[in-house]
């Protein structure tokens, strides 16, 4: 008698819908064996598993996921929580790239994505209720801010989670995360500007409530230890804030000859201000961004020198890490991933 994953009770909606029994008969195996293959169970020899998969394709069999979850205790869904309002999510190509990577990897794992975002404080409770309701197997959360309640709410729900971006140190129990080398990438950008002979290098920083922005400021200061504090102007990762910060920087220090912006959108905003004021790039002011987002870089004039991070790849890594956590093969203490960055030299510096 075969052992392993128990047979899944199959619901049918009519004679036209193939059943698990039909798959088993076409493959020449028992129903239990067919069930193990369909539901991802182990212990089936590869030739038999291939016969079952071929029968599934030939018959167009669609598993009953409600019944399947009774066996696997999995819902086949993951919540993707973006701690930003809707207008930011759909106006910043960073989110598009990261969600694309997440979506493609979840599809490869036959798992549905449930997208959630935060418009206001009321959304925290809505997301908390959803997670507490047991609708998903796990969660991926990114673009978190230092004072955000989401990490605590997710921890309270006991839903396995992976963060995109380094969480605030000590704010919540250790959680696995995927991030790029923000500090190292910033150091490389500023060192490159120094190597060009630039002496007055400004920094357009991201929001001080996000660890990625704080790490990039730290990288800037690692290289320019004695930099004038007036050379650091605050932005919020939007194009408009980059323009405002560039204008402020020129007012504070008209002698600025280089700018490192904490993301490509703010760099694009800075380039617009420099162009409007007749300041030549890179002859008068060199500009370096961070992200290497095609949608932004293609539209800049001159072409933007920037620090590349693999945004889509990081989304894929978040899913892979979460799947390892769900399988009990990873924990927060050892599983977090820091991906490398690299400077991409173009015409702006």
C-alpha atoms as a PDB file:
ATOM      1  CA  UNK A   1       0.000   0.000   0.000  1.00  0.00           C
ATOM      2  CA  UNK A   2       1.394   3.398  -0.951  1.00  0.00           C
ATOM      3  CA  UNK A   3       2.087   5.922   1.805  1.00  0.00           C
ATOM      4  CA  UNK A   4       2.769   9.665   1.928  1.00  0.00           C
ATOM      5  CA  UNK A   5       0.436  12.538   1.122  1.00  0.00           C
ATOM      6  CA  UNK A   6      -3.188  11.437   1.559  1.00  0.00           C
ATOM      7  CA  UNK A   7      -5.505  11.474  -1.413  1.00  0.00           C
ATOM      8  CA  UNK A   8      -7.202  14.794  -2.066  1.00  0.00           C
ATOM      9  CA  UNK A   9     -10.999  14.694  -2.250  1.00  0.00           C
ATOM     10  CA  UNK A  10     -11.861  15.953  -5.713  1.00  0.00           C
ATOM     11  CA  UNK A  11     -14.890  18.086  -6.515  1.00  0.00           C
ATOM     12  CA  UNK A  12     -16.301  18.064 -10.026  1.00  0.00           C
ATOM     13  CA  UNK A  13     -18.566  20.531 -11.738  1.00  0.00           C
ATOM     14  CA  UNK A  14     -19.797  18.212 -14.431  1.00  0.00           C
ATOM     15  CA  UNK A  15     -18.781  15.458 -16.804  1.00  0.00           C
ATOM     16  CA  UNK A  16     -16.645  17.835 -18.879  1.00  0.00           C
ATOM     17  CA  UNK A  17     -14.222  18.503 -16.053  1.00  0.00           C
ATOM     18  CA  UNK A  18     -11.451  15.880 -15.740  1.00  0.00           C
ATOM     19  CA  UNK A  19     -11.046  14.292 -12.337  1.00  0.00           C
ATOM     20  CA  UNK A  20      -8.000  13.133 -10.445  1.00  0.00           C
ATOM     21  CA  UNK A  21      -9.183   9.561 -11.051  1.00  0.00           C
ATOM     22  CA  UNK A  22      -9.072  10.232 -14.808  1.00  0.00           C
ATOM     23  CA  UNK A  23      -5.507  11.551 -14.495  1.00  0.00           C
ATOM     24  CA  UNK A  24      -4.489   8.459 -12.532  1.00  0.00           C
ATOM     25  CA  UNK A  25      -6.094   6.144 -15.092  1.00  0.00           C
ATOM     26  CA  UNK A  26      -4.437   7.946 -18.036  1.00  0.00           C
ATOM     27  CA  UNK A  27      -1.022   7.759 -16.291  1.00  0.00           C
ATOM     28  CA  UNK A  28      -1.516   4.142 -15.208  1.00  0.00           C
ATOM     29  CA  UNK A  29      -0.925   4.907 -11.526  1.00  0.00           C
ATOM     30  CA  UNK A  30      -2.983   4.855  -8.342  1.00  0.00           C
ATOM     31  CA  UNK A  31      -5.049   7.861  -7.310  1.00  0.00           C
ATOM     32  CA  UNK A  32      -2.748   8.349  -4.283  1.00  0.00           C
ATOM     33  CA  UNK A  33       0.304   8.566  -6.549  1.00  0.00           C
ATOM     34  CA  UNK A  34      -1.419  11.051  -8.835  1.00  0.00           C
ATOM     35  CA  UNK A  35      -2.409  13.116  -5.800  1.00  0.00           C
ATOM     36  CA  UNK A  36       1.169  13.225  -4.504  1.00  0.00           C
ATOM     37  CA  UNK A  37       2.459  14.507  -7.844  1.00  0.00           C
ATOM     38  CA  UNK A  38      -0.295  17.081  -8.324  1.00  0.00           C
ATOM     39  CA  UNK A  39       0.088  18.402  -4.765  1.00  0.00           C
ATOM     40  CA  UNK A  40       3.876  18.523  -4.742  1.00  0.00           C
ATOM     41  CA  UNK A  41       4.423  15.562  -2.454  1.00  0.00           C
ATOM     42  CA  UNK A  42       7.630  13.548  -2.378  1.00  0.00           C
ATOM     43  CA  UNK A  43       8.294   9.849  -2.808  1.00  0.00           C
ATOM     44  CA  UNK A  44       7.195   9.351  -6.428  1.00  0.00           C
ATOM     45  CA  UNK A  45       9.766   7.995  -8.883  1.00  0.00           C
ATOM     46  CA  UNK A  46      10.583  10.436 -11.683  1.00  0.00           C
ATOM     47  CA  UNK A  47       9.226   8.284 -14.569  1.00  0.00           C
ATOM     48  CA  UNK A  48       5.854   7.918 -12.814  1.00  0.00           C
ATOM     49  CA  UNK A  49       5.785  11.621 -11.928  1.00  0.00           C
ATOM     50  CA  UNK A  50       6.388  12.511 -15.581  1.00  0.00           C
ATOM     51  CA  UNK A  51       3.522  10.240 -16.662  1.00  0.00           C
ATOM     52  CA  UNK A  52       1.187  12.005 -14.223  1.00  0.00           C
ATOM     53  CA  UNK A  53       2.262  15.466 -15.411  1.00  0.00           C
ATOM     54  CA  UNK A  54       1.765  14.404 -19.023  1.00  0.00           C
ATOM     55  CA  UNK A  55      -1.732  13.159 -18.190  1.00  0.00           C
ATOM     56  CA  UNK A  56      -2.496  16.466 -16.452  1.00  0.00           C
ATOM     57  CA  UNK A  57      -1.468  18.364 -19.599  1.00  0.00           C
ATOM     58  CA  UNK A  58      -3.356  16.087 -21.961  1.00  0.00           C
ATOM     59  CA  UNK A  59      -6.588  16.160 -19.970  1.00  0.00           C
ATOM     60  CA  UNK A  60      -6.384  19.825 -18.952  1.00  0.00           C
ATOM     61  CA  UNK A  61      -6.796  18.843 -15.325  1.00  0.00           C
ATOM     62  CA  UNK A  62      -7.110  21.747 -12.843  1.00  0.00           C
ATOM     63  CA  UNK A  63      -6.536  20.866  -9.154  1.00  0.00           C
ATOM     64  CA  UNK A  64      -9.161  21.756  -6.597  1.00  0.00           C
ATOM     65  CA  UNK A  65      -7.154  24.176  -4.451  1.00  0.00           C
ATOM     66  CA  UNK A  66      -9.678  24.256  -1.630  1.00  0.00           C
ATOM     67  CA  UNK A  67      -9.373  20.502  -1.197  1.00  0.00           C
ATOM     68  CA  UNK A  68      -5.639  20.650  -1.759  1.00  0.00           C
ATOM     69  CA  UNK A  69      -5.201  23.105   1.123  1.00  0.00           C
ATOM     70  CA  UNK A  70      -6.789  20.595   3.492  1.00  0.00           C
ATOM     71  CA  UNK A  71      -3.928  18.236   2.710  1.00  0.00           C
ATOM     72  CA  UNK A  72      -0.992  20.624   2.368  1.00  0.00           C
ATOM     73  CA  UNK A  73      -2.185  23.218   4.917  1.00  0.00           C
ATOM     74  CA  UNK A  74      -1.164  25.802   2.327  1.00  0.00           C
ATOM     75  CA  UNK A  75      -3.430  28.399   0.734  1.00  0.00           C
ATOM     76  CA  UNK A  76      -1.299  28.923  -2.357  1.00  0.00           C
ATOM     77  CA  UNK A  77      -1.278  32.697  -1.816  1.00  0.00           C
ATOM     78  CA  UNK A  78       1.199  35.274  -0.516  1.00  0.00           C
ATOM     79  CA  UNK A  79       0.441  38.848   0.559  1.00  0.00           C
ATOM     80  CA  UNK A  80       2.688  41.501  -0.984  1.00  0.00           C
ATOM     81  CA  UNK A  81       2.510  44.572   1.248  1.00  0.00           C
ATOM     82  CA  UNK A  82       3.889  47.886   0.007  1.00  0.00           C
ATOM     83  CA  UNK A  83       4.025  50.522   2.732  1.00  0.00           C
ATOM     84  CA  UNK A  84       3.316  53.397   0.337  1.00  0.00           C
ATOM     85  CA  UNK A  85       0.175  55.082  -1.015  1.00  0.00           C
ATOM     86  CA  UNK A  86      -1.220  54.133  -4.409  1.00  0.00           C
ATOM     87  CA  UNK A  87       0.131  57.200  -6.253  1.00  0.00           C
ATOM     88  CA  UNK A  88       3.708  56.313  -5.253  1.00  0.00           C
ATOM     89  CA  UNK A  89       3.343  52.688  -6.289  1.00  0.00           C
ATOM     90  CA  UNK A  90       2.113  53.515  -9.768  1.00  0.00           C
ATOM     91  CA  UNK A  91       4.409  56.495 -10.395  1.00  0.00           C
ATOM     92  CA  UNK A  92       7.725  55.001  -9.267  1.00  0.00           C
ATOM     93  CA  UNK A  93       9.154  52.318 -11.606  1.00  0.00           C
ATOM     94  CA  UNK A  94      11.074  50.837  -8.663  1.00  0.00           C
ATOM     95  CA  UNK A  95       7.863  49.260  -7.371  1.00  0.00           C
ATOM     96  CA  UNK A  96       6.919  47.996 -10.826  1.00  0.00           C
ATOM     97  CA  UNK A  97      10.253  46.194 -11.172  1.00  0.00           C
ATOM     98  CA  UNK A  98      10.190  44.686  -7.693  1.00  0.00           C
ATOM     99  CA  UNK A  99       6.578  43.511  -8.011  1.00  0.00           C
ATOM    100  CA  UNK A 100       7.386  42.039 -11.436  1.00  0.00           C
ATOM    101  CA  UNK A 101      10.179  39.959  -9.927  1.00  0.00           C
ATOM    102  CA  UNK A 102       7.930  38.839  -7.076  1.00  0.00           C
ATOM    103  CA  UNK A 103       5.062  37.968  -9.419  1.00  0.00           C
ATOM    104  CA  UNK A 104       7.224  35.928 -11.787  1.00  0.00           C
ATOM    105  CA  UNK A 105       8.789  33.951  -8.968  1.00  0.00           C
ATOM    106  CA  UNK A 106       5.441  33.310  -7.265  1.00  0.00           C
ATOM    107  CA  UNK A 107       4.085  32.072 -10.597  1.00  0.00           C
ATOM    108  CA  UNK A 108       7.000  29.649 -10.815  1.00  0.00           C
ATOM    109  CA  UNK A 109       5.916  28.350  -7.389  1.00  0.00           C
ATOM    110  CA  UNK A 110       2.248  28.116  -8.478  1.00  0.00           C
ATOM    111  CA  UNK A 111       1.336  30.719  -5.861  1.00  0.00           C
ATOM    112  CA  UNK A 112      -1.080  33.635  -6.112  1.00  0.00           C
ATOM    113  CA  UNK A 113      -0.038  37.198  -5.267  1.00  0.00           C
ATOM    114  CA  UNK A 114      -2.360  39.380  -3.165  1.00  0.00           C
ATOM    115  CA  UNK A 115      -1.249  43.016  -3.457  1.00  0.00           C
ATOM    116  CA  UNK A 116      -1.890  45.329  -0.493  1.00  0.00           C
ATOM    117  CA  UNK A 117      -0.796  48.931   0.043  1.00  0.00           C
ATOM    118  CA  UNK A 118      -1.128  51.636   2.673  1.00  0.00           C
ATOM    119  CA  UNK A 119      -3.099  54.811   1.947  1.00  0.00           C
ATOM    120  CA  UNK A 120      -3.632  55.824   5.572  1.00  0.00           C
ATOM    121  CA  UNK A 121      -3.575  54.630   9.152  1.00  0.00           C
ATOM    122  CA  UNK A 122      -6.887  52.815   8.703  1.00  0.00           C
ATOM    123  CA  UNK A 123      -5.218  50.492   6.226  1.00  0.00           C
ATOM    124  CA  UNK A 124      -2.973  49.096   8.954  1.00  0.00           C
ATOM    125  CA  UNK A 125      -5.960  47.557  10.705  1.00  0.00           C
ATOM    126  CA  UNK A 126      -7.394  46.289   7.404  1.00  0.00           C
ATOM    127  CA  UNK A 127      -4.130  44.556   6.549  1.00  0.00           C
ATOM    128  CA  UNK A 128      -3.829  43.221  10.094  1.00  0.00           C
ATOM    129  CA  UNK A 129      -7.334  41.689   9.934  1.00  0.00           C
ATOM    130  CA  UNK A 130      -6.553  40.137   6.569  1.00  0.00           C
ATOM    131  CA  UNK A 131      -3.357  38.521   7.825  1.00  0.00           C
ATOM    132  CA  UNK A 132      -5.049  37.354  11.029  1.00  0.00           C
ATOM    133  CA  UNK A 133      -7.780  35.725   8.918  1.00  0.00           C
ATOM    134  CA  UNK A 134      -5.425  33.030   7.650  1.00  0.00           C
ATOM    135  CA  UNK A 135      -5.914  33.810   3.945  1.00  0.00           C
ATOM    136  CA  UNK A 136      -2.237  33.579   2.955  1.00  0.00           C
ATOM    137  CA  UNK A 137       0.757  31.362   3.626  1.00  0.00           C
ATOM    138  CA  UNK A 138       3.157  34.248   4.144  1.00  0.00           C
ATOM    139  CA  UNK A 139       3.868  37.884   3.416  1.00  0.00           C
ATOM    140  CA  UNK A 140       6.446  39.998   1.616  1.00  0.00           C
ATOM    141  CA  UNK A 141       6.659  43.594   2.866  1.00  0.00           C
ATOM    142  CA  UNK A 142       8.806  46.409   1.536  1.00  0.00           C
ATOM    143  CA  UNK A 143       9.300  50.184   1.508  1.00  0.00           C
ATOM    144  CA  UNK A 144       8.829  50.147   5.275  1.00  0.00           C
ATOM    145  CA  UNK A 145       9.446  53.305   7.328  1.00  0.00           C
ATOM    146  CA  UNK A 146      11.059  53.576  10.751  1.00  0.00           C
ATOM    147  CA  UNK A 147       7.855  54.510  12.581  1.00  0.00           C
ATOM    148  CA  UNK A 148       5.690  52.083  10.606  1.00  0.00           C
ATOM    149  CA  UNK A 149       3.292  49.889  12.607  1.00  0.00           C
ATOM    150  CA  UNK A 150       3.256  47.197   9.923  1.00  0.00           C
ATOM    151  CA  UNK A 151       6.217  45.146  11.234  1.00  0.00           C
ATOM    152  CA  UNK A 152       4.538  44.864  14.657  1.00  0.00           C
ATOM    153  CA  UNK A 153       1.180  43.970  13.130  1.00  0.00           C
ATOM    154  CA  UNK A 154       2.754  41.316  10.901  1.00  0.00           C
ATOM    155  CA  UNK A 155       4.649  39.880  13.872  1.00  0.00           C
ATOM    156  CA  UNK A 156       1.410  39.734  15.863  1.00  0.00           C
ATOM    157  CA  UNK A 157      -0.323  37.815  13.080  1.00  0.00           C
ATOM    158  CA  UNK A 158       2.420  35.153  13.171  1.00  0.00           C
ATOM    159  CA  UNK A 159       2.386  34.993   9.378  1.00  0.00           C
ATOM    160  CA  UNK A 160       5.859  34.093   8.040  1.00  0.00           C
ATOM    161  CA  UNK A 161       7.350  37.191   6.430  1.00  0.00           C
ATOM    162  CA  UNK A 162      10.340  38.404   4.460  1.00  0.00           C
ATOM    163  CA  UNK A 163      11.136  42.109   4.291  1.00  0.00           C
ATOM    164  CA  UNK A 164      12.405  43.929   1.243  1.00  0.00           C
ATOM    165  CA  UNK A 165      15.041  46.240   2.686  1.00  0.00           C
ATOM    166  CA  UNK A 166      16.927  46.130   5.956  1.00  0.00           C
ATOM    167  CA  UNK A 167      14.488  46.537   8.851  1.00  0.00           C
ATOM    168  CA  UNK A 168      15.130  49.035  11.617  1.00  0.00           C
ATOM    169  CA  UNK A 169      17.593  47.475  14.029  1.00  0.00           C
ATOM    170  CA  UNK A 170      15.982  46.226  17.220  1.00  0.00           C
ATOM    171  CA  UNK A 171      12.498  47.474  16.368  1.00  0.00           C
ATOM    172  CA  UNK A 172      10.896  44.023  16.116  1.00  0.00           C
ATOM    173  CA  UNK A 173      11.934  40.376  16.411  1.00  0.00           C
ATOM    174  CA  UNK A 174      14.527  39.410  13.802  1.00  0.00           C
ATOM    175  CA  UNK A 175      12.969  38.930  10.371  1.00  0.00           C
ATOM    176  CA  UNK A 176      14.744  37.690   7.231  1.00  0.00           C
ATOM    177  CA  UNK A 177      15.211  40.355   4.587  1.00  0.00           C
ATOM    178  CA  UNK A 178      16.632  40.993   1.137  1.00  0.00           C
ATOM    179  CA  UNK A 179      18.435  44.245   0.438  1.00  0.00           C
ATOM    180  CA  UNK A 180      21.225  45.611  -1.735  1.00  0.00           C
ATOM    181  CA  UNK A 181      24.536  46.998  -0.476  1.00  0.00           C
ATOM    182  CA  UNK A 182      23.209  50.538  -0.144  1.00  0.00           C
ATOM    183  CA  UNK A 183      26.155  51.848   1.855  1.00  0.00           C
ATOM    184  CA  UNK A 184      28.777  50.233  -0.355  1.00  0.00           C
ATOM    185  CA  UNK A 185      27.061  51.457  -3.528  1.00  0.00           C
ATOM    186  CA  UNK A 186      26.970  55.018  -2.183  1.00  0.00           C
ATOM    187  CA  UNK A 187      30.654  54.855  -1.279  1.00  0.00           C
ATOM    188  CA  UNK A 188      31.501  53.717  -4.816  1.00  0.00           C
ATOM    189  CA  UNK A 189      29.496  56.568  -6.350  1.00  0.00           C
ATOM    190  CA  UNK A 190      31.141  59.245  -4.209  1.00  0.00           C
ATOM    191  CA  UNK A 191      34.643  57.815  -4.636  1.00  0.00           C
ATOM    192  CA  UNK A 192      34.108  57.917  -8.385  1.00  0.00           C
ATOM    193  CA  UNK A 193      33.159  61.606  -8.215  1.00  0.00           C
ATOM    194  CA  UNK A 194      36.255  62.288  -6.110  1.00  0.00           C
ATOM    195  CA  UNK A 195      38.370  60.448  -8.705  1.00  0.00           C
ATOM    196  CA  UNK A 196      37.067  62.878 -11.335  1.00  0.00           C
ATOM    197  CA  UNK A 197      38.574  65.728  -9.342  1.00  0.00           C
ATOM    198  CA  UNK A 198      35.262  67.046  -7.973  1.00  0.00           C
ATOM    199  CA  UNK A 199      35.774  68.940  -4.741  1.00  0.00           C
ATOM    200  CA  UNK A 200      32.314  70.115  -3.646  1.00  0.00           C
ATOM    201  CA  UNK A 201      30.057  67.070  -3.796  1.00  0.00           C
ATOM    202  CA  UNK A 202      26.458  67.388  -2.683  1.00  0.00           C
ATOM    203  CA  UNK A 203      24.044  64.642  -1.733  1.00  0.00           C
ATOM    204  CA  UNK A 204      20.294  64.551  -2.359  1.00  0.00           C
ATOM    205  CA  UNK A 205      19.134  62.151   0.336  1.00  0.00           C
ATOM    206  CA  UNK A 206      16.069  59.949   0.452  1.00  0.00           C
ATOM    207  CA  UNK A 207      13.560  60.037   3.317  1.00  0.00           C
ATOM    208  CA  UNK A 208      15.210  59.740   6.724  1.00  0.00           C
ATOM    209  CA  UNK A 209      12.479  57.263   7.741  1.00  0.00           C
ATOM    210  CA  UNK A 210      13.856  54.522   5.461  1.00  0.00           C
ATOM    211  CA  UNK A 211      16.981  52.489   6.117  1.00  0.00           C
ATOM    212  CA  UNK A 212      18.006  52.440   2.435  1.00  0.00           C
ATOM    213  CA  UNK A 213      18.234  56.241   2.441  1.00  0.00           C
ATOM    214  CA  UNK A 214      20.041  56.307   5.775  1.00  0.00           C
ATOM    215  CA  UNK A 215      22.573  53.741   4.539  1.00  0.00           C
ATOM    216  CA  UNK A 216      23.244  55.801   1.392  1.00  0.00           C
ATOM    217  CA  UNK A 217      23.839  58.934   3.470  1.00  0.00           C
ATOM    218  CA  UNK A 218      26.231  56.880   5.602  1.00  0.00           C
ATOM    219  CA  UNK A 219      28.106  55.750   2.476  1.00  0.00           C
ATOM    220  CA  UNK A 220      28.411  59.362   1.325  1.00  0.00           C
ATOM    221  CA  UNK A 221      29.825  60.369   4.722  1.00  0.00           C
ATOM    222  CA  UNK A 222      32.211  57.381   4.797  1.00  0.00           C
ATOM    223  CA  UNK A 223      34.050  59.038   1.905  1.00  0.00           C
ATOM    224  CA  UNK A 224      33.468  62.721   2.723  1.00  0.00           C
ATOM    225  CA  UNK A 225      33.948  62.637   6.479  1.00  0.00           C
ATOM    226  CA  UNK A 226      34.310  66.418   6.815  1.00  0.00           C
ATOM    227  CA  UNK A 227      31.683  67.428   4.237  1.00  0.00           C
ATOM    228  CA  UNK A 228      29.744  70.621   4.931  1.00  0.00           C
ATOM    229  CA  UNK A 229      26.305  69.630   6.323  1.00  0.00           C
ATOM    230  CA  UNK A 230      24.815  72.187   3.909  1.00  0.00           C
ATOM    231  CA  UNK A 231      25.802  69.878   1.054  1.00  0.00           C
ATOM    232  CA  UNK A 232      23.163  67.316   2.113  1.00  0.00           C
ATOM    233  CA  UNK A 233      19.614  68.211   1.030  1.00  0.00           C
ATOM    234  CA  UNK A 234      16.549  66.131   1.816  1.00  0.00           C
ATOM    235  CA  UNK A 235      14.306  64.491  -0.767  1.00  0.00           C
ATOM    236  CA  UNK A 236      11.678  61.754  -0.625  1.00  0.00           C
ATOM    237  CA  UNK A 237      12.643  59.533  -3.604  1.00  0.00           C
ATOM    238  CA  UNK A 238      10.319  61.412  -5.989  1.00  0.00           C
ATOM    239  CA  UNK A 239      11.389  63.353  -9.090  1.00  0.00           C
ATOM    240  CA  UNK A 240       9.820  66.555  -7.751  1.00  0.00           C
ATOM    241  CA  UNK A 241      11.732  66.332  -4.467  1.00  0.00           C
ATOM    242  CA  UNK A 242      14.978  65.893  -6.407  1.00  0.00           C
ATOM    243  CA  UNK A 243      14.288  69.113  -8.286  1.00  0.00           C
ATOM    244  CA  UNK A 244      13.505  70.994  -5.052  1.00  0.00           C
ATOM    245  CA  UNK A 245      16.616  69.636  -3.343  1.00  0.00           C
ATOM    246  CA  UNK A 246      18.823  70.584  -6.298  1.00  0.00           C
ATOM    247  CA  UNK A 247      17.485  74.133  -6.256  1.00  0.00           C
ATOM    248  CA  UNK A 248      18.097  74.315  -2.500  1.00  0.00           C
ATOM    249  CA  UNK A 249      21.600  72.918  -2.889  1.00  0.00           C
ATOM    250  CA  UNK A 250      22.488  75.539  -5.515  1.00  0.00           C
ATOM    251  CA  UNK A 251      21.218  78.266  -3.198  1.00  0.00           C
ATOM    252  CA  UNK A 252      23.230  76.957  -0.252  1.00  0.00           C
ATOM    253  CA  UNK A 253      26.417  76.159  -2.162  1.00  0.00           C
ATOM    254  CA  UNK A 254      26.616  77.753  -5.615  1.00  0.00           C
ATOM    255  CA  UNK A 255      30.110  76.238  -5.952  1.00  0.00           C
ATOM    256  CA  UNK A 256      28.799  72.647  -5.953  1.00  0.00           C
ATOM    257  CA  UNK A 257      30.483  70.696  -8.762  1.00  0.00           C
ATOM    258  CA  UNK A 258      28.974  67.227  -8.288  1.00  0.00           C
ATOM    259  CA  UNK A 259      25.809  65.627  -6.891  1.00  0.00           C
ATOM    260  CA  UNK A 260      25.104  62.092  -5.734  1.00  0.00           C
ATOM    261  CA  UNK A 261      21.335  61.518  -5.621  1.00  0.00           C
ATOM    262  CA  UNK A 262      19.968  58.623  -3.565  1.00  0.00           C
ATOM    263  CA  UNK A 263      17.822  57.347  -6.442  1.00  0.00           C
ATOM    264  CA  UNK A 264      17.410  57.831 -10.181  1.00  0.00           C
ATOM    265  CA  UNK A 265      14.123  59.742  -9.963  1.00  0.00           C
ATOM    266  CA  UNK A 266      15.665  62.412  -7.743  1.00  0.00           C
ATOM    267  CA  UNK A 267      18.708  62.525 -10.036  1.00  0.00           C
ATOM    268  CA  UNK A 268      16.358  63.148 -12.987  1.00  0.00           C
ATOM    269  CA  UNK A 269      14.734  65.996 -11.061  1.00  0.00           C
ATOM    270  CA  UNK A 270      18.173  67.462 -10.321  1.00  0.00           C
ATOM    271  CA  UNK A 271      19.137  67.266 -14.001  1.00  0.00           C
ATOM    272  CA  UNK A 272      16.018  69.238 -14.933  1.00  0.00           C
ATOM    273  CA  UNK A 273      16.913  72.097 -12.591  1.00  0.00           C
ATOM    274  CA  UNK A 274      20.512  72.176 -13.822  1.00  0.00           C
ATOM    275  CA  UNK A 275      19.324  72.286 -17.435  1.00  0.00           C
ATOM    276  CA  UNK A 276      16.818  75.068 -16.732  1.00  0.00           C
ATOM    277  CA  UNK A 277      19.542  77.175 -15.128  1.00  0.00           C
ATOM    278  CA  UNK A 278      22.002  76.674 -17.958  1.00  0.00           C
ATOM    279  CA  UNK A 279      24.422  74.642 -15.832  1.00  0.00           C
ATOM    280  CA  UNK A 280      26.257  72.109 -17.980  1.00  0.00           C
ATOM    281  CA  UNK A 281      26.343  68.423 -17.044  1.00  0.00           C
ATOM    282  CA  UNK A 282      28.907  67.012 -16.496  1.00  0.00           C
ATOM    283  CA  UNK A 283      31.215  69.944 -17.316  1.00  0.00           C
ATOM    284  CA  UNK A 284      29.986  72.185 -14.483  1.00  0.00           C
ATOM    285  CA  UNK A 285      28.187  69.682 -12.256  1.00  0.00           C
ATOM    286  CA  UNK A 286      28.507  65.896 -12.479  1.00  0.00           C
ATOM    287  CA  UNK A 287      25.453  63.858 -11.437  1.00  0.00           C
ATOM    288  CA  UNK A 288      25.234  60.246 -10.216  1.00  0.00           C
ATOM    289  CA  UNK A 289      22.022  58.420  -9.267  1.00  0.00           C
ATOM    290  CA  UNK A 290      21.173  55.098  -7.633  1.00  0.00           C
ATOM    291  CA  UNK A 291      19.031  52.188  -8.965  1.00  0.00           C
ATOM    292  CA  UNK A 292      19.737  52.023 -12.738  1.00  0.00           C
ATOM    293  CA  UNK A 293      16.056  51.944 -13.692  1.00  0.00           C
ATOM    294  CA  UNK A 294      15.710  51.749 -17.485  1.00  0.00           C
ATOM    295  CA  UNK A 295      12.487  53.774 -17.562  1.00  0.00           C
ATOM    296  CA  UNK A 296      14.257  56.712 -15.896  1.00  0.00           C
ATOM    297  CA  UNK A 297      17.744  56.396 -17.380  1.00  0.00           C
ATOM    298  CA  UNK A 298      16.444  56.306 -20.972  1.00  0.00           C
ATOM    299  CA  UNK A 299      14.673  59.622 -20.438  1.00  0.00           C
ATOM    300  CA  UNK A 300      17.580  61.576 -18.917  1.00  0.00           C
ATOM    301  CA  UNK A 301      19.698  64.040 -20.877  1.00  0.00           C
ATOM    302  CA  UNK A 302      22.599  63.434 -20.657  1.00  0.00           C
ATOM    303  CA  UNK A 303      22.409  59.695 -19.968  1.00  0.00           C
ATOM    304  CA  UNK A 304      22.593  59.087 -16.225  1.00  0.00           C
ATOM    305  CA  UNK A 305      25.595  57.561 -14.488  1.00  0.00           C
ATOM    306  CA  UNK A 306      24.160  55.545 -11.622  1.00  0.00           C
ATOM    307  CA  UNK A 307      24.628  52.718  -9.141  1.00  0.00           C
ATOM    308  CA  UNK A 308      22.899  49.563 -10.291  1.00  0.00           C
ATOM    309  CA  UNK A 309      20.920  47.288  -8.021  1.00  0.00           C
ATOM    310  CA  UNK A 310      19.072  44.239  -9.356  1.00  0.00           C
ATOM    311  CA  UNK A 311      15.576  45.304  -8.319  1.00  0.00           C
ATOM    312  CA  UNK A 312      13.671  42.547 -10.115  1.00  0.00           C
ATOM    313  CA  UNK A 313      16.172  39.943  -8.951  1.00  0.00           C
ATOM    314  CA  UNK A 314      15.700  41.091  -5.360  1.00  0.00           C
ATOM    315  CA  UNK A 315      11.964  40.524  -5.733  1.00  0.00           C
ATOM    316  CA  UNK A 316      12.644  36.981  -6.894  1.00  0.00           C
ATOM    317  CA  UNK A 317      15.020  36.424  -3.974  1.00  0.00           C
ATOM    318  CA  UNK A 318      12.364  37.573  -1.512  1.00  0.00           C
ATOM    319  CA  UNK A 319      10.000  34.876  -2.786  1.00  0.00           C
ATOM    320  CA  UNK A 320      12.660  32.165  -2.729  1.00  0.00           C
ATOM    321  CA  UNK A 321      13.612  33.095   0.807  1.00  0.00           C
ATOM    322  CA  UNK A 322       9.974  33.060   1.933  1.00  0.00           C
ATOM    323  CA  UNK A 323       9.486  29.611   0.407  1.00  0.00           C
ATOM    324  CA  UNK A 324      12.507  28.392   2.371  1.00  0.00           C
ATOM    325  CA  UNK A 325      11.031  29.884   5.549  1.00  0.00           C
ATOM    326  CA  UNK A 326       7.683  28.171   4.859  1.00  0.00           C
ATOM    327  CA  UNK A 327       9.489  24.864   4.351  1.00  0.00           C
ATOM    328  CA  UNK A 328      11.387  25.327   7.623  1.00  0.00           C
ATOM    329  CA  UNK A 329      14.706  25.556   5.795  1.00  0.00           C
ATOM    330  CA  UNK A 330      15.600  29.149   6.712  1.00  0.00           C
ATOM    331  CA  UNK A 331      15.462  31.455   9.718  1.00  0.00           C
ATOM    332  CA  UNK A 332      15.965  35.149  10.309  1.00  0.00           C
ATOM    333  CA  UNK A 333      19.334  34.763  11.970  1.00  0.00           C
ATOM    334  CA  UNK A 334      21.063  33.239   8.944  1.00  0.00           C
ATOM    335  CA  UNK A 335      18.917  33.684   5.867  1.00  0.00           C
ATOM    336  CA  UNK A 336      18.981  37.402   5.041  1.00  0.00           C
ATOM    337  CA  UNK A 337      20.562  38.373   1.725  1.00  0.00           C
ATOM    338  CA  UNK A 338      22.581  41.476   0.768  1.00  0.00           C
ATOM    339  CA  UNK A 339      23.006  41.736  -3.000  1.00  0.00           C
ATOM    340  CA  UNK A 340      25.922  43.562  -4.649  1.00  0.00           C
ATOM    341  CA  UNK A 341      25.736  46.901  -6.421  1.00  0.00           C
ATOM    342  CA  UNK A 342      27.881  48.325  -9.195  1.00  0.00           C
ATOM    343  CA  UNK A 343      28.527  51.711 -10.790  1.00  0.00           C
ATOM    344  CA  UNK A 344      27.261  52.111 -14.380  1.00  0.00           C
ATOM    345  CA  UNK A 345      29.145  54.940 -16.076  1.00  0.00           C
ATOM    346  CA  UNK A 346      27.322  57.020 -18.666  1.00  0.00           C
ATOM    347  CA  UNK A 347      27.449  60.671 -19.735  1.00  0.00           C
ATOM    348  CA  UNK A 348      26.298  62.604 -16.650  1.00  0.00           C
ATOM    349  CA  UNK A 349      29.551  61.935 -14.731  1.00  0.00           C
END
